[in-house]
């Protein structure tokens, strides 16, 4: 979801803490477990998904250490920021 998409301006905390010139993306599921599907979602779609998930939630189990996750994130940040003006 992006601020320009279906949820524009719906989360006051995001609106307070994220500059308006940045897009906000929310990850609802681990896409590495299946091929990605592309479709447009409405707020009602997301709310229905969340209600279904919350009715019988599955705990998330971390398989990597915090250090491994942070190293991977640092590599990703370096990759996407190459060539960016500072």
N, C-alpha and C. Protein backbone atom coordinates (compact mmCIF):
# COMPACT_ATOMS: atom_id res chain seq x y z
N UNK A 1 0.85 -1.16 0.00
CA UNK A 1 0.00 0.00 0.00
C UNK A 1 0.89 1.22 0.00
N UNK A 2 0.49 2.23 -0.66
CA UNK A 2 1.24 3.48 -0.63
C UNK A 2 0.32 4.59 -0.19
N UNK A 3 0.92 5.66 0.22
CA UNK A 3 0.13 6.81 0.65
C UNK A 3 -0.74 7.32 -0.50
N UNK A 4 -0.27 7.11 -1.74
CA UNK A 4 -1.05 7.52 -2.91
C UNK A 4 -2.09 6.49 -3.29
N UNK A 5 -2.07 5.32 -2.66
CA UNK A 5 -2.98 4.24 -3.00
C UNK A 5 -4.24 4.26 -2.18
N UNK A 6 -4.79 3.10 -1.91
CA UNK A 6 -6.10 2.98 -1.28
C UNK A 6 -6.14 3.53 0.13
N UNK A 7 -5.03 3.57 0.84
CA UNK A 7 -5.07 3.97 2.24
C UNK A 7 -4.55 5.39 2.47
N UNK A 8 -4.58 6.20 1.46
CA UNK A 8 -4.03 7.54 1.57
C UNK A 8 -4.59 8.28 2.78
N UNK A 9 -3.70 8.66 3.68
CA UNK A 9 -4.08 9.46 4.82
C UNK A 9 -4.87 8.75 5.89
N UNK A 10 -4.91 7.42 5.90
CA UNK A 10 -5.76 6.74 6.86
C UNK A 10 -5.07 6.40 8.17
N UNK A 11 -3.75 6.49 8.26
CA UNK A 11 -3.05 6.15 9.49
C UNK A 11 -2.37 7.38 10.07
N UNK A 12 -2.94 7.96 11.13
CA UNK A 12 -2.39 9.19 11.68
C UNK A 12 -0.94 9.06 12.14
N UNK A 13 -0.57 7.90 12.69
CA UNK A 13 0.81 7.71 13.15
C UNK A 13 1.79 7.76 11.97
N UNK A 14 1.42 7.10 10.88
CA UNK A 14 2.27 7.15 9.68
C UNK A 14 2.35 8.58 9.18
N UNK A 15 1.23 9.26 9.12
CA UNK A 15 1.21 10.64 8.63
C UNK A 15 2.05 11.56 9.50
N UNK A 16 2.11 11.31 10.80
CA UNK A 16 2.93 12.13 11.69
C UNK A 16 4.42 11.83 11.55
N UNK A 17 4.79 10.59 11.25
CA UNK A 17 6.18 10.17 11.33
C UNK A 17 6.90 9.98 10.01
N UNK A 18 6.17 9.99 8.90
CA UNK A 18 6.80 9.76 7.59
C UNK A 18 6.59 11.00 6.74
N UNK A 19 7.70 11.55 6.20
CA UNK A 19 7.55 12.72 5.32
C UNK A 19 6.60 12.43 4.16
N UNK A 20 5.83 13.43 3.78
CA UNK A 20 4.79 13.22 2.76
C UNK A 20 5.36 12.93 1.38
N UNK A 21 6.65 13.25 1.14
CA UNK A 21 7.21 12.96 -0.18
C UNK A 21 7.69 11.52 -0.30
N UNK A 22 7.54 10.71 0.76
CA UNK A 22 7.92 9.31 0.72
C UNK A 22 6.71 8.41 0.60
N UNK A 23 6.85 7.32 -0.15
CA UNK A 23 5.80 6.30 -0.21
C UNK A 23 5.94 5.38 0.99
N UNK A 24 4.82 4.86 1.47
CA UNK A 24 4.81 3.91 2.57
C UNK A 24 4.31 2.58 2.04
N UNK A 25 5.10 1.53 2.25
CA UNK A 25 4.73 0.20 1.78
C UNK A 25 4.53 -0.71 2.98
N UNK A 26 3.45 -1.46 2.99
CA UNK A 26 3.14 -2.38 4.07
C UNK A 26 3.21 -3.80 3.54
N UNK A 27 3.96 -4.64 4.24
CA UNK A 27 4.08 -6.04 3.85
C UNK A 27 3.13 -6.84 4.73
N UNK A 28 2.19 -7.52 4.12
CA UNK A 28 1.20 -8.28 4.86
C UNK A 28 1.50 -9.77 4.93
N UNK A 29 2.42 -10.23 4.11
CA UNK A 29 2.69 -11.66 4.06
C UNK A 29 4.09 -11.87 3.52
N UNK A 30 4.64 -13.04 3.74
CA UNK A 30 5.96 -13.38 3.26
C UNK A 30 5.84 -13.90 1.83
N UNK A 31 6.17 -13.07 0.86
CA UNK A 31 6.00 -13.45 -0.54
C UNK A 31 6.98 -14.53 -0.99
N UNK A 32 8.03 -14.78 -0.20
CA UNK A 32 8.99 -15.80 -0.61
C UNK A 32 8.43 -17.21 -0.50
N UNK A 33 7.27 -17.37 0.12
CA UNK A 33 6.69 -18.70 0.28
C UNK A 33 5.87 -19.14 -0.93
N UNK A 34 5.63 -18.22 -1.86
CA UNK A 34 4.86 -18.57 -3.06
C UNK A 34 5.13 -17.52 -4.13
N UNK A 35 4.81 -17.83 -5.37
CA UNK A 35 5.01 -16.82 -6.42
C UNK A 35 4.17 -15.58 -6.13
N UNK A 36 4.70 -14.39 -6.41
CA UNK A 36 3.92 -13.17 -6.15
C UNK A 36 2.71 -13.06 -7.07
N UNK A 37 1.65 -12.52 -6.51
CA UNK A 37 0.45 -12.22 -7.28
C UNK A 37 0.27 -10.71 -7.26
N UNK A 38 -0.12 -10.17 -8.36
CA UNK A 38 -0.35 -8.73 -8.41
C UNK A 38 -1.83 -8.49 -8.60
N UNK A 39 -2.39 -7.71 -7.70
CA UNK A 39 -3.78 -7.31 -7.86
C UNK A 39 -4.00 -6.08 -7.00
N UNK A 40 -5.00 -5.35 -7.34
CA UNK A 40 -5.33 -4.16 -6.57
C UNK A 40 -6.14 -4.58 -5.35
N UNK A 41 -5.83 -3.97 -4.22
CA UNK A 41 -6.56 -4.26 -2.99
C UNK A 41 -7.26 -3.00 -2.51
N UNK A 42 -8.45 -3.17 -2.02
CA UNK A 42 -9.17 -2.05 -1.42
C UNK A 42 -9.00 -2.15 0.09
N UNK A 43 -9.37 -1.12 0.78
CA UNK A 43 -9.32 -1.14 2.25
C UNK A 43 -10.17 -2.28 2.77
N UNK A 44 -11.31 -2.54 2.14
CA UNK A 44 -12.19 -3.63 2.57
C UNK A 44 -11.50 -4.98 2.39
N UNK A 45 -10.72 -5.14 1.30
CA UNK A 45 -9.97 -6.38 1.09
C UNK A 45 -8.97 -6.62 2.22
N UNK A 46 -8.24 -5.57 2.58
CA UNK A 46 -7.23 -5.69 3.63
C UNK A 46 -7.90 -5.96 4.98
N UNK A 47 -8.98 -5.27 5.25
CA UNK A 47 -9.69 -5.48 6.52
C UNK A 47 -10.25 -6.90 6.60
N UNK A 48 -10.75 -7.44 5.50
CA UNK A 48 -11.26 -8.82 5.49
C UNK A 48 -10.12 -9.81 5.71
N UNK A 49 -8.97 -9.55 5.07
CA UNK A 49 -7.80 -10.42 5.26
C UNK A 49 -7.38 -10.40 6.73
N UNK A 50 -7.29 -9.20 7.31
CA UNK A 50 -6.86 -9.07 8.70
C UNK A 50 -7.84 -9.75 9.65
N UNK A 51 -9.14 -9.61 9.42
CA UNK A 51 -10.13 -10.25 10.28
C UNK A 51 -10.00 -11.76 10.19
N UNK A 52 -9.80 -12.29 8.99
CA UNK A 52 -9.62 -13.73 8.81
C UNK A 52 -8.34 -14.21 9.51
N UNK A 53 -7.26 -13.47 9.33
CA UNK A 53 -5.99 -13.83 9.98
C UNK A 53 -6.13 -13.80 11.50
N UNK A 54 -6.74 -12.75 12.02
CA UNK A 54 -6.86 -12.59 13.47
C UNK A 54 -7.78 -13.64 14.10
N UNK A 55 -8.67 -14.23 13.32
CA UNK A 55 -9.56 -15.26 13.85
C UNK A 55 -8.78 -16.52 14.22
N UNK A 56 -7.69 -16.79 13.50
CA UNK A 56 -6.85 -17.98 13.77
C UNK A 56 -5.40 -17.66 13.40
N UNK A 57 -4.74 -16.79 14.18
CA UNK A 57 -3.40 -16.34 13.81
C UNK A 57 -2.35 -17.46 13.95
N UNK A 58 -1.34 -17.37 13.11
CA UNK A 58 -0.21 -18.29 13.18
C UNK A 58 1.00 -17.50 13.68
N UNK A 59 1.65 -17.96 14.74
CA UNK A 59 2.81 -17.22 15.24
C UNK A 59 3.93 -17.16 14.20
N UNK A 60 4.62 -16.05 14.18
CA UNK A 60 5.77 -15.91 13.28
C UNK A 60 6.99 -16.45 13.99
N UNK A 61 7.75 -17.31 13.33
CA UNK A 61 8.96 -17.88 13.93
C UNK A 61 10.18 -17.33 13.20
N UNK A 62 11.05 -16.63 13.92
CA UNK A 62 12.29 -16.12 13.35
C UNK A 62 13.24 -17.29 13.12
N UNK A 63 13.86 -17.34 11.94
CA UNK A 63 14.80 -18.40 11.62
C UNK A 63 16.22 -17.88 11.53
N UNK A 64 16.39 -16.58 11.63
CA UNK A 64 17.72 -15.98 11.57
C UNK A 64 17.94 -15.16 12.83
N UNK A 65 19.21 -14.95 13.15
CA UNK A 65 19.53 -14.12 14.30
C UNK A 65 19.33 -12.65 13.93
N UNK A 66 19.23 -11.80 14.94
CA UNK A 66 19.10 -10.37 14.70
C UNK A 66 20.30 -9.87 13.90
N UNK A 67 21.49 -10.37 14.20
CA UNK A 67 22.70 -9.95 13.48
C UNK A 67 22.60 -10.31 11.99
N UNK A 68 22.11 -11.49 11.67
CA UNK A 68 21.96 -11.90 10.27
C UNK A 68 20.96 -11.00 9.56
N UNK A 69 19.88 -10.69 10.23
CA UNK A 69 18.84 -9.83 9.63
C UNK A 69 19.39 -8.43 9.39
N UNK A 70 20.11 -7.89 10.38
CA UNK A 70 20.66 -6.54 10.24
C UNK A 70 21.73 -6.48 9.15
N UNK A 71 22.55 -7.53 9.02
CA UNK A 71 23.55 -7.56 7.95
C UNK A 71 22.88 -7.57 6.58
N UNK A 72 21.84 -8.36 6.44
CA UNK A 72 21.11 -8.43 5.18
C UNK A 72 20.46 -7.08 4.86
N UNK A 73 19.87 -6.45 5.87
CA UNK A 73 19.25 -5.14 5.69
C UNK A 73 20.30 -4.09 5.29
N UNK A 74 21.46 -4.13 5.93
CA UNK A 74 22.53 -3.18 5.59
C UNK A 74 22.96 -3.35 4.14
N UNK A 75 23.09 -4.58 3.69
CA UNK A 75 23.45 -4.83 2.29
C UNK A 75 22.39 -4.30 1.34
N UNK A 76 21.13 -4.52 1.69
CA UNK A 76 20.02 -4.02 0.87
C UNK A 76 20.06 -2.49 0.81
N UNK A 77 20.23 -1.86 1.96
CA UNK A 77 20.28 -0.39 2.00
C UNK A 77 21.43 0.15 1.16
N UNK A 78 22.59 -0.50 1.25
CA UNK A 78 23.72 -0.08 0.43
C UNK A 78 23.40 -0.21 -1.06
N UNK A 79 22.75 -1.29 -1.43
CA UNK A 79 22.41 -1.53 -2.83
C UNK A 79 21.44 -0.47 -3.36
N UNK A 80 20.38 -0.20 -2.63
CA UNK A 80 19.38 0.75 -3.14
C UNK A 80 19.84 2.20 -3.08
N UNK A 81 20.86 2.47 -2.25
CA UNK A 81 21.34 3.85 -2.12
C UNK A 81 22.55 4.15 -2.99
N UNK A 82 23.06 3.18 -3.74
CA UNK A 82 24.20 3.44 -4.62
C UNK A 82 23.80 4.47 -5.65
N UNK A 83 24.63 5.49 -5.75
CA UNK A 83 24.35 6.53 -6.73
C UNK A 83 23.38 7.59 -6.24
N UNK A 84 22.82 7.41 -5.05
CA UNK A 84 21.89 8.42 -4.52
C UNK A 84 22.67 9.64 -4.07
N UNK A 85 22.11 10.80 -4.34
CA UNK A 85 22.76 12.03 -3.87
C UNK A 85 22.55 12.18 -2.38
N UNK A 86 23.56 12.68 -1.71
CA UNK A 86 23.45 12.90 -0.26
C UNK A 86 23.46 14.36 0.07
